[in-house]
N, C-alpha and C. Protein backbone atom coordinates (compact mmCIF):
# COMPACT_ATOMS: atom_id res chain seq x y z
N MET A 1 38.01 23.39 10.35
CA MET A 1 38.79 22.65 11.31
C MET A 1 37.84 21.86 12.21
N ALA A 2 38.13 20.60 12.42
CA ALA A 2 37.30 19.75 13.28
C ALA A 2 37.38 20.24 14.72
N GLY A 3 36.25 20.18 15.40
CA GLY A 3 36.20 20.58 16.80
C GLY A 3 36.09 22.08 17.01
N SER A 4 35.67 22.80 15.99
CA SER A 4 35.54 24.25 16.10
C SER A 4 34.13 24.64 16.55
N LEU A 5 34.04 25.80 17.16
CA LEU A 5 32.76 26.39 17.51
C LEU A 5 32.53 27.59 16.60
N ILE A 6 31.37 27.62 15.96
CA ILE A 6 31.00 28.74 15.10
C ILE A 6 29.82 29.44 15.75
N GLN A 7 30.02 30.72 16.10
CA GLN A 7 28.94 31.46 16.76
C GLN A 7 27.79 31.66 15.80
N VAL A 8 26.58 31.31 16.26
CA VAL A 8 25.37 31.41 15.46
C VAL A 8 24.51 32.60 15.90
N ASP A 9 24.37 32.79 17.21
CA ASP A 9 23.52 33.86 17.73
C ASP A 9 23.99 34.18 19.14
N THR A 10 23.83 35.41 19.55
CA THR A 10 24.16 35.81 20.92
C THR A 10 23.22 36.92 21.38
N GLU A 11 22.89 36.91 22.65
CA GLU A 11 22.05 37.93 23.26
C GLU A 11 22.65 38.29 24.61
N THR A 12 22.82 39.58 24.84
CA THR A 12 23.27 40.07 26.13
C THR A 12 22.15 40.88 26.76
N VAL A 13 21.75 40.48 27.95
CA VAL A 13 20.66 41.16 28.67
C VAL A 13 21.28 42.17 29.62
N SER A 14 20.84 43.43 29.52
CA SER A 14 21.33 44.47 30.43
C SER A 14 20.19 45.21 31.13
N SER A 15 18.95 44.90 30.73
CA SER A 15 17.78 45.42 31.44
C SER A 15 16.71 44.33 31.42
N ALA A 16 15.77 44.41 32.32
CA ALA A 16 14.81 43.33 32.55
C ALA A 16 14.03 42.93 31.30
N VAL A 17 14.00 41.60 31.04
CA VAL A 17 13.22 41.02 29.94
C VAL A 17 12.51 39.78 30.45
N ALA A 18 11.39 39.45 29.82
CA ALA A 18 10.63 38.26 30.22
C ALA A 18 11.27 36.99 29.70
N SER A 19 11.95 37.05 28.54
CA SER A 19 12.57 35.87 27.96
C SER A 19 13.69 36.27 27.02
N VAL A 20 14.52 35.28 26.67
CA VAL A 20 15.62 35.46 25.72
C VAL A 20 15.53 34.32 24.73
N THR A 21 15.51 34.63 23.43
CA THR A 21 15.40 33.61 22.39
C THR A 21 16.62 33.66 21.49
N LEU A 22 17.22 32.49 21.24
CA LEU A 22 18.32 32.36 20.30
C LEU A 22 17.92 31.36 19.23
N THR A 23 18.09 31.74 17.98
CA THR A 23 17.74 30.87 16.86
C THR A 23 18.90 30.78 15.88
N GLY A 24 18.74 29.94 14.88
CA GLY A 24 19.76 29.80 13.85
C GLY A 24 20.21 28.36 13.66
N ILE A 25 19.59 27.43 14.36
CA ILE A 25 19.92 26.01 14.16
C ILE A 25 19.32 25.58 12.83
N ASN A 26 20.18 25.27 11.87
CA ASN A 26 19.70 24.93 10.53
C ASN A 26 20.50 23.83 9.85
N THR A 27 21.31 23.12 10.64
CA THR A 27 22.04 21.96 10.14
C THR A 27 21.86 20.82 11.13
N ASN A 28 22.31 19.64 10.77
CA ASN A 28 22.21 18.48 11.65
C ASN A 28 23.39 18.34 12.59
N ASP A 29 24.21 19.37 12.69
CA ASP A 29 25.34 19.36 13.61
C ASP A 29 24.85 19.44 15.06
N VAL A 30 25.75 19.12 15.98
CA VAL A 30 25.50 19.37 17.40
C VAL A 30 25.68 20.86 17.61
N TYR A 31 24.86 21.44 18.48
CA TYR A 31 24.98 22.85 18.85
C TYR A 31 25.24 22.94 20.34
N MET A 32 25.92 24.00 20.73
CA MET A 32 26.21 24.24 22.14
C MET A 32 25.71 25.64 22.49
N LEU A 33 25.04 25.75 23.62
CA LEU A 33 24.57 27.05 24.07
C LEU A 33 25.17 27.33 25.44
N ALA A 34 25.93 28.41 25.53
CA ALA A 34 26.55 28.81 26.80
C ALA A 34 25.78 29.99 27.37
N PHE A 35 25.51 29.93 28.67
CA PHE A 35 24.90 31.09 29.34
C PHE A 35 25.71 31.39 30.59
N TYR A 36 25.93 32.69 30.83
CA TYR A 36 26.70 33.05 32.02
C TYR A 36 26.26 34.40 32.56
N ASN A 37 26.53 34.55 33.86
CA ASN A 37 26.16 35.76 34.61
C ASN A 37 24.67 36.05 34.51
N VAL A 38 23.83 35.00 34.49
CA VAL A 38 22.38 35.18 34.38
C VAL A 38 21.80 35.43 35.77
N THR A 39 21.12 36.55 35.90
CA THR A 39 20.45 36.88 37.17
C THR A 39 19.00 37.26 36.88
N MET A 40 18.18 37.11 37.89
CA MET A 40 16.78 37.46 37.80
C MET A 40 16.45 38.56 38.81
N ASN A 41 15.27 39.15 38.68
CA ASN A 41 14.90 40.26 39.53
C ASN A 41 14.50 39.84 40.94
N THR A 42 14.24 38.56 41.16
CA THR A 42 13.79 38.09 42.46
C THR A 42 14.53 36.83 42.86
N SER A 43 15.09 36.81 44.05
CA SER A 43 15.74 35.61 44.56
C SER A 43 14.72 34.47 44.61
N GLY A 44 15.14 33.28 44.24
CA GLY A 44 14.25 32.13 44.25
C GLY A 44 13.60 31.87 42.91
N SER A 45 13.87 32.70 41.92
CA SER A 45 13.30 32.50 40.58
C SER A 45 13.92 31.26 39.93
N GLY A 46 13.13 30.56 39.12
CA GLY A 46 13.64 29.43 38.37
C GLY A 46 14.08 29.89 36.99
N LEU A 47 15.08 29.22 36.42
CA LEU A 47 15.51 29.48 35.05
C LEU A 47 15.11 28.27 34.23
N TYR A 48 14.39 28.51 33.12
CA TYR A 48 13.82 27.45 32.30
C TYR A 48 14.16 27.68 30.83
N PHE A 49 13.96 26.65 30.01
CA PHE A 49 14.13 26.83 28.58
C PHE A 49 13.20 25.91 27.80
N ARG A 50 12.94 26.32 26.54
CA ARG A 50 12.06 25.59 25.63
C ARG A 50 12.70 25.57 24.24
N THR A 51 12.29 24.61 23.42
CA THR A 51 12.69 24.63 22.02
C THR A 51 11.89 25.70 21.29
N THR A 52 12.42 26.12 20.14
CA THR A 52 11.65 27.01 19.26
C THR A 52 11.48 26.35 17.90
N THR A 53 10.35 26.61 17.28
CA THR A 53 10.06 26.17 15.91
C THR A 53 9.72 27.43 15.13
N SER A 54 10.48 27.68 14.07
CA SER A 54 10.32 28.92 13.29
C SER A 54 10.39 30.15 14.18
N GLY A 55 11.27 30.11 15.19
CA GLY A 55 11.49 31.26 16.06
C GLY A 55 10.50 31.43 17.19
N THR A 56 9.47 30.57 17.26
CA THR A 56 8.45 30.67 18.29
C THR A 56 8.60 29.54 19.29
N ALA A 57 8.56 29.86 20.58
CA ALA A 57 8.73 28.85 21.62
C ALA A 57 7.59 27.83 21.58
N ASP A 58 7.95 26.55 21.74
CA ASP A 58 6.98 25.46 21.82
C ASP A 58 6.52 25.35 23.27
N SER A 59 5.27 25.69 23.54
CA SER A 59 4.76 25.66 24.92
C SER A 59 3.87 24.45 25.16
N ASP A 60 4.06 23.38 24.37
CA ASP A 60 3.28 22.16 24.56
C ASP A 60 3.72 21.44 25.84
N SER A 61 3.10 20.36 26.17
CA SER A 61 3.44 19.59 27.38
C SER A 61 4.17 18.32 27.00
N GLU A 62 5.31 18.48 26.34
CA GLU A 62 6.08 17.34 25.83
C GLU A 62 7.55 17.41 26.26
N TYR A 63 7.84 18.03 27.40
CA TYR A 63 9.21 18.19 27.88
C TYR A 63 9.49 17.23 29.03
N ASP A 64 10.45 16.33 28.84
CA ASP A 64 10.84 15.36 29.87
C ASP A 64 12.29 15.63 30.30
N THR A 65 12.57 15.45 31.58
CA THR A 65 13.89 15.78 32.14
C THR A 65 14.30 14.75 33.19
N ALA A 66 15.60 14.47 33.24
CA ALA A 66 16.20 13.71 34.34
C ALA A 66 17.55 14.34 34.66
N MET A 67 17.72 14.76 35.91
CA MET A 67 18.95 15.43 36.32
C MET A 67 19.34 15.02 37.73
N LYS A 68 20.57 15.35 38.05
CA LYS A 68 21.09 15.19 39.40
C LYS A 68 21.37 16.58 39.94
N PHE A 69 20.77 16.90 41.09
CA PHE A 69 21.00 18.17 41.77
C PHE A 69 22.22 17.98 42.65
N ILE A 70 23.28 18.71 42.35
CA ILE A 70 24.56 18.55 43.04
C ILE A 70 24.74 19.72 44.00
N ARG A 71 24.89 19.40 45.28
CA ARG A 71 24.97 20.43 46.32
C ARG A 71 26.29 20.32 47.06
N SER A 72 26.88 21.47 47.40
CA SER A 72 28.18 21.47 48.05
C SER A 72 28.11 21.05 49.51
N VAL A 73 26.97 21.16 50.16
CA VAL A 73 26.90 20.85 51.59
C VAL A 73 25.90 19.74 51.92
N ASN A 74 25.45 19.02 50.91
CA ASN A 74 24.45 18.00 51.16
C ASN A 74 24.60 16.89 50.13
N ALA A 75 23.78 15.87 50.25
CA ALA A 75 23.80 14.75 49.31
C ALA A 75 23.29 15.19 47.93
N PHE A 76 23.64 14.38 46.93
CA PHE A 76 23.12 14.60 45.59
C PHE A 76 21.67 14.17 45.56
N ASP A 77 20.84 14.94 44.87
CA ASP A 77 19.42 14.63 44.79
C ASP A 77 19.01 14.42 43.34
N PRO A 78 18.42 13.27 43.01
CA PRO A 78 17.92 13.10 41.65
C PRO A 78 16.61 13.87 41.48
N THR A 79 16.37 14.35 40.28
CA THR A 79 15.13 15.04 39.98
C THR A 79 14.71 14.67 38.56
N SER A 80 13.43 14.52 38.35
CA SER A 80 12.95 14.21 37.01
C SER A 80 11.52 14.71 36.87
N SER A 81 11.12 14.88 35.61
CA SER A 81 9.74 15.27 35.32
C SER A 81 9.38 14.80 33.92
N VAL A 82 8.10 14.56 33.70
CA VAL A 82 7.61 14.18 32.38
C VAL A 82 6.43 15.07 32.01
N ASN A 83 6.28 15.30 30.72
CA ASN A 83 5.15 16.06 30.18
C ASN A 83 5.02 17.47 30.76
N GLY A 84 6.15 18.11 31.00
CA GLY A 84 6.13 19.50 31.44
C GLY A 84 5.98 20.44 30.25
N ASP A 85 5.78 21.72 30.54
CA ASP A 85 5.66 22.70 29.46
C ASP A 85 6.97 23.47 29.23
N LYS A 86 8.04 23.05 29.90
CA LYS A 86 9.37 23.62 29.72
C LYS A 86 10.37 22.75 30.47
N TRP A 87 11.65 22.95 30.17
CA TRP A 87 12.72 22.27 30.90
C TRP A 87 13.25 23.24 31.95
N GLY A 88 13.66 22.72 33.09
CA GLY A 88 14.28 23.55 34.11
C GLY A 88 15.79 23.43 34.06
N VAL A 89 16.45 24.54 34.34
CA VAL A 89 17.91 24.55 34.46
C VAL A 89 18.29 24.60 35.93
N GLY A 90 17.30 24.65 36.79
CA GLY A 90 17.56 24.66 38.22
C GLY A 90 17.10 25.94 38.86
N PRO A 91 16.93 25.92 40.16
CA PRO A 91 16.49 27.12 40.86
C PRO A 91 17.57 28.19 40.80
N GLN A 92 17.16 29.40 40.76
CA GLN A 92 18.06 30.54 40.72
C GLN A 92 17.95 31.24 42.06
N ARG A 93 18.32 30.57 43.10
CA ARG A 93 18.17 31.13 44.45
C ARG A 93 19.39 31.98 44.74
N VAL A 94 19.41 33.17 44.20
CA VAL A 94 20.61 33.98 44.27
C VAL A 94 20.46 35.19 45.17
N ALA A 95 21.55 35.57 45.74
CA ALA A 95 21.64 36.85 46.43
C ALA A 95 22.06 37.89 45.40
N SER A 96 21.95 39.14 45.75
CA SER A 96 22.32 40.21 44.84
C SER A 96 23.75 40.03 44.33
N GLY A 97 23.93 40.15 43.02
CA GLY A 97 25.26 40.06 42.43
C GLY A 97 25.74 38.65 42.15
N VAL A 98 24.94 37.63 42.41
CA VAL A 98 25.34 36.25 42.16
C VAL A 98 24.56 35.74 40.96
N SER A 99 25.20 34.91 40.13
CA SER A 99 24.57 34.53 38.87
C SER A 99 24.59 33.02 38.64
N SER A 100 23.86 32.61 37.59
CA SER A 100 23.82 31.23 37.13
C SER A 100 24.60 31.13 35.83
N ASN A 101 25.29 30.01 35.67
CA ASN A 101 26.14 29.79 34.49
C ASN A 101 25.98 28.35 34.03
N GLY A 102 26.06 28.10 32.71
CA GLY A 102 25.93 26.73 32.27
C GLY A 102 26.15 26.52 30.79
N ILE A 103 26.11 25.25 30.42
CA ILE A 103 26.30 24.81 29.04
C ILE A 103 25.19 23.83 28.69
N LEU A 104 24.54 24.04 27.55
CA LEU A 104 23.60 23.08 26.97
C LEU A 104 24.23 22.53 25.70
N ASN A 105 24.20 21.22 25.53
CA ASN A 105 24.58 20.59 24.27
C ASN A 105 23.28 20.12 23.62
N LEU A 106 23.04 20.56 22.39
CA LEU A 106 21.76 20.34 21.71
C LEU A 106 21.94 19.34 20.56
N PHE A 107 21.09 18.31 20.53
CA PHE A 107 21.19 17.23 19.57
C PHE A 107 19.88 17.04 18.81
N ASN A 108 19.96 16.69 17.54
CA ASN A 108 18.81 16.37 16.67
C ASN A 108 17.86 17.55 16.46
N PHE A 109 18.26 18.75 16.75
CA PHE A 109 17.33 19.88 16.68
C PHE A 109 16.82 20.13 15.27
N ASN A 110 17.65 19.95 14.26
CA ASN A 110 17.23 20.25 12.89
C ASN A 110 16.57 19.05 12.21
N ASN A 111 16.50 17.92 12.88
CA ASN A 111 15.99 16.68 12.28
C ASN A 111 14.50 16.53 12.58
N SER A 112 13.67 16.65 11.56
CA SER A 112 12.21 16.59 11.76
C SER A 112 11.70 15.17 12.02
N SER A 113 12.57 14.17 11.90
CA SER A 113 12.17 12.77 12.14
C SER A 113 12.57 12.27 13.53
N GLU A 114 13.23 13.10 14.31
CA GLU A 114 13.74 12.69 15.62
C GLU A 114 13.30 13.67 16.70
N TYR A 115 13.38 13.23 17.95
CA TYR A 115 13.15 14.11 19.09
C TYR A 115 14.39 14.98 19.32
N SER A 116 14.19 16.25 19.64
CA SER A 116 15.29 17.11 20.05
C SER A 116 15.62 16.80 21.51
N PHE A 117 16.91 16.71 21.82
CA PHE A 117 17.30 16.47 23.20
C PHE A 117 18.56 17.24 23.53
N ASN A 118 18.89 17.30 24.82
CA ASN A 118 20.05 18.07 25.26
C ASN A 118 20.67 17.45 26.50
N THR A 119 21.90 17.85 26.74
CA THR A 119 22.53 17.64 28.04
C THR A 119 22.75 19.01 28.64
N VAL A 120 22.72 19.09 29.95
CA VAL A 120 22.87 20.37 30.63
C VAL A 120 23.81 20.23 31.82
N ASP A 121 24.67 21.21 31.99
CA ASP A 121 25.52 21.35 33.17
C ASP A 121 25.44 22.82 33.57
N ASN A 122 25.05 23.08 34.80
CA ASN A 122 25.03 24.47 35.25
C ASN A 122 25.42 24.56 36.72
N CYS A 123 25.74 25.77 37.14
CA CYS A 123 26.11 26.01 38.53
C CYS A 123 25.58 27.37 38.96
N PHE A 124 25.30 27.49 40.26
CA PHE A 124 24.77 28.72 40.82
C PHE A 124 24.98 28.71 42.32
N PHE A 125 24.86 29.88 42.92
CA PHE A 125 24.94 30.00 44.37
C PHE A 125 23.53 29.98 44.92
N TRP A 126 23.26 29.06 45.82
CA TRP A 126 21.93 28.91 46.40
C TRP A 126 21.92 29.64 47.74
N SER A 127 21.44 30.89 47.73
CA SER A 127 21.54 31.73 48.91
C SER A 127 20.65 31.27 50.06
N GLY A 128 19.59 30.49 49.75
CA GLY A 128 18.70 30.01 50.79
C GLY A 128 19.42 29.16 51.82
N SER A 129 20.46 28.44 51.38
CA SER A 129 21.22 27.61 52.31
C SER A 129 22.71 27.94 52.24
N ASN A 130 23.04 29.06 51.61
CA ASN A 130 24.41 29.55 51.53
C ASN A 130 25.37 28.48 50.99
N GLU A 131 25.03 27.92 49.84
CA GLU A 131 25.87 26.88 49.26
C GLU A 131 25.96 27.01 47.74
N PHE A 132 26.99 26.40 47.21
CA PHE A 132 27.18 26.32 45.78
C PHE A 132 26.45 25.06 45.30
N ALA A 133 25.74 25.16 44.18
CA ALA A 133 24.96 24.02 43.70
C ALA A 133 24.93 24.02 42.18
N GLY A 134 24.40 22.94 41.62
CA GLY A 134 24.27 22.87 40.17
C GLY A 134 23.45 21.65 39.76
N TYR A 135 23.22 21.57 38.46
CA TYR A 135 22.50 20.45 37.88
C TYR A 135 23.32 19.85 36.76
N ALA A 136 23.24 18.53 36.63
CA ALA A 136 23.82 17.82 35.49
C ALA A 136 22.80 16.78 35.06
N GLY A 137 22.53 16.72 33.77
CA GLY A 137 21.55 15.76 33.30
C GLY A 137 21.19 15.99 31.85
N GLY A 138 19.96 15.62 31.52
CA GLY A 138 19.52 15.76 30.15
C GLY A 138 18.01 15.85 30.06
N SER A 139 17.56 16.26 28.88
CA SER A 139 16.14 16.47 28.64
C SER A 139 15.81 16.11 27.20
N VAL A 140 14.54 15.80 26.96
CA VAL A 140 14.08 15.48 25.61
C VAL A 140 12.73 16.15 25.37
N HIS A 141 12.54 16.65 24.16
CA HIS A 141 11.25 17.20 23.72
C HIS A 141 10.63 16.11 22.86
N THR A 142 9.61 15.44 23.36
CA THR A 142 9.07 14.23 22.72
C THR A 142 8.11 14.55 21.58
N VAL A 143 8.61 15.35 20.64
CA VAL A 143 7.88 15.68 19.41
C VAL A 143 8.88 15.56 18.27
N ALA A 144 8.56 14.76 17.26
CA ALA A 144 9.44 14.65 16.10
C ALA A 144 9.19 15.85 15.19
N GLU A 145 10.04 16.87 15.34
CA GLU A 145 9.93 18.08 14.54
C GLU A 145 11.29 18.77 14.50
N ALA A 146 11.49 19.60 13.51
CA ALA A 146 12.72 20.39 13.44
C ALA A 146 12.56 21.60 14.35
N ASN A 147 13.56 21.82 15.19
CA ASN A 147 13.59 22.98 16.07
C ASN A 147 14.77 23.87 15.67
N ASP A 148 14.57 25.18 15.72
CA ASP A 148 15.62 26.09 15.25
C ASP A 148 16.28 26.90 16.36
N GLY A 149 15.90 26.66 17.62
CA GLY A 149 16.53 27.42 18.68
C GLY A 149 16.01 27.10 20.06
N ILE A 150 16.36 27.99 20.99
CA ILE A 150 16.02 27.86 22.42
C ILE A 150 15.51 29.19 22.94
N GLN A 151 14.48 29.13 23.78
CA GLN A 151 14.00 30.30 24.51
C GLN A 151 14.26 30.07 26.00
N PHE A 152 14.90 31.04 26.67
CA PHE A 152 15.06 31.02 28.12
C PHE A 152 13.98 31.91 28.73
N LEU A 153 13.44 31.49 29.88
CA LEU A 153 12.43 32.26 30.58
C LEU A 153 12.53 31.99 32.07
N THR A 154 11.78 32.74 32.86
CA THR A 154 11.76 32.55 34.30
C THR A 154 10.31 32.42 34.76
N ASP A 155 10.11 32.39 36.06
CA ASP A 155 8.77 32.24 36.61
C ASP A 155 7.87 33.40 36.20
N SER A 156 6.58 33.15 36.13
CA SER A 156 5.60 34.17 35.77
C SER A 156 5.72 35.38 36.69
N GLY A 157 5.73 36.55 36.10
CA GLY A 157 5.82 37.78 36.87
C GLY A 157 7.24 38.18 37.24
N ARG A 158 8.22 37.39 36.88
CA ARG A 158 9.62 37.69 37.18
C ARG A 158 10.37 37.93 35.87
N THR A 159 11.56 38.50 35.96
CA THR A 159 12.31 38.82 34.75
C THR A 159 13.76 38.40 34.86
N ILE A 160 14.37 38.24 33.70
CA ILE A 160 15.82 38.05 33.59
C ILE A 160 16.40 39.46 33.51
N THR A 161 17.30 39.80 34.43
CA THR A 161 17.82 41.17 34.49
C THR A 161 19.22 41.32 33.91
N ALA A 162 19.95 40.21 33.76
CA ALA A 162 21.30 40.29 33.21
C ALA A 162 21.70 38.90 32.71
N GLY A 163 22.70 38.89 31.85
CA GLY A 163 23.25 37.63 31.39
C GLY A 163 23.62 37.67 29.92
N THR A 164 24.49 36.74 29.54
CA THR A 164 24.88 36.58 28.15
C THR A 164 24.57 35.15 27.74
N PHE A 165 23.92 35.01 26.59
CA PHE A 165 23.50 33.73 26.05
C PHE A 165 24.10 33.63 24.64
N THR A 166 24.87 32.56 24.36
CA THR A 166 25.50 32.44 23.05
C THR A 166 25.31 31.03 22.51
N LEU A 167 24.80 30.95 21.28
CA LEU A 167 24.57 29.69 20.59
C LEU A 167 25.70 29.47 19.59
N TYR A 168 26.28 28.25 19.62
CA TYR A 168 27.37 27.87 18.71
C TYR A 168 27.00 26.59 17.96
N ARG A 169 27.48 26.49 16.74
CA ARG A 169 27.43 25.22 16.00
C ARG A 169 28.78 24.55 16.19
N VAL A 170 28.76 23.26 16.55
CA VAL A 170 29.98 22.49 16.74
C VAL A 170 30.30 21.79 15.43
N THR A 171 31.49 22.05 14.89
CA THR A 171 31.88 21.43 13.62
C THR A 171 33.09 20.54 13.80
């Protein structure tokens, strides 16, 4: 049926881990990755992601991003970066029991002749200023290679303590 989601991989975090990897991208279809109730062990931690090749995260410096930081109590702020070693999903400035949630749409991941790119929409509670916030935008990995998945990670020395991550193929 057109417009269906087929679950490819899922990971549920219930104890502290350094990263979460989802793989299984093996067609030229669009893929969608949903993450929800993601929390880290330390307020102020960032949530990031990278492409994977053969199940291993690409830690090169070829990640470019352009997003709009949307804040409930302030103006919208544009943010961008080039040649980073990962993409950001936004700060995880959470109080206890508050989580980050979002959707990634993944394009060209299985195509070794094109750059892998994504769109991202996420939301979180920013406890530093007691406001609801989120990011909307997109990113590109400027390497023409086939990628088979995504790795989520946080700042060095911090961990992901909870959350569900699910990869779908869009048909």
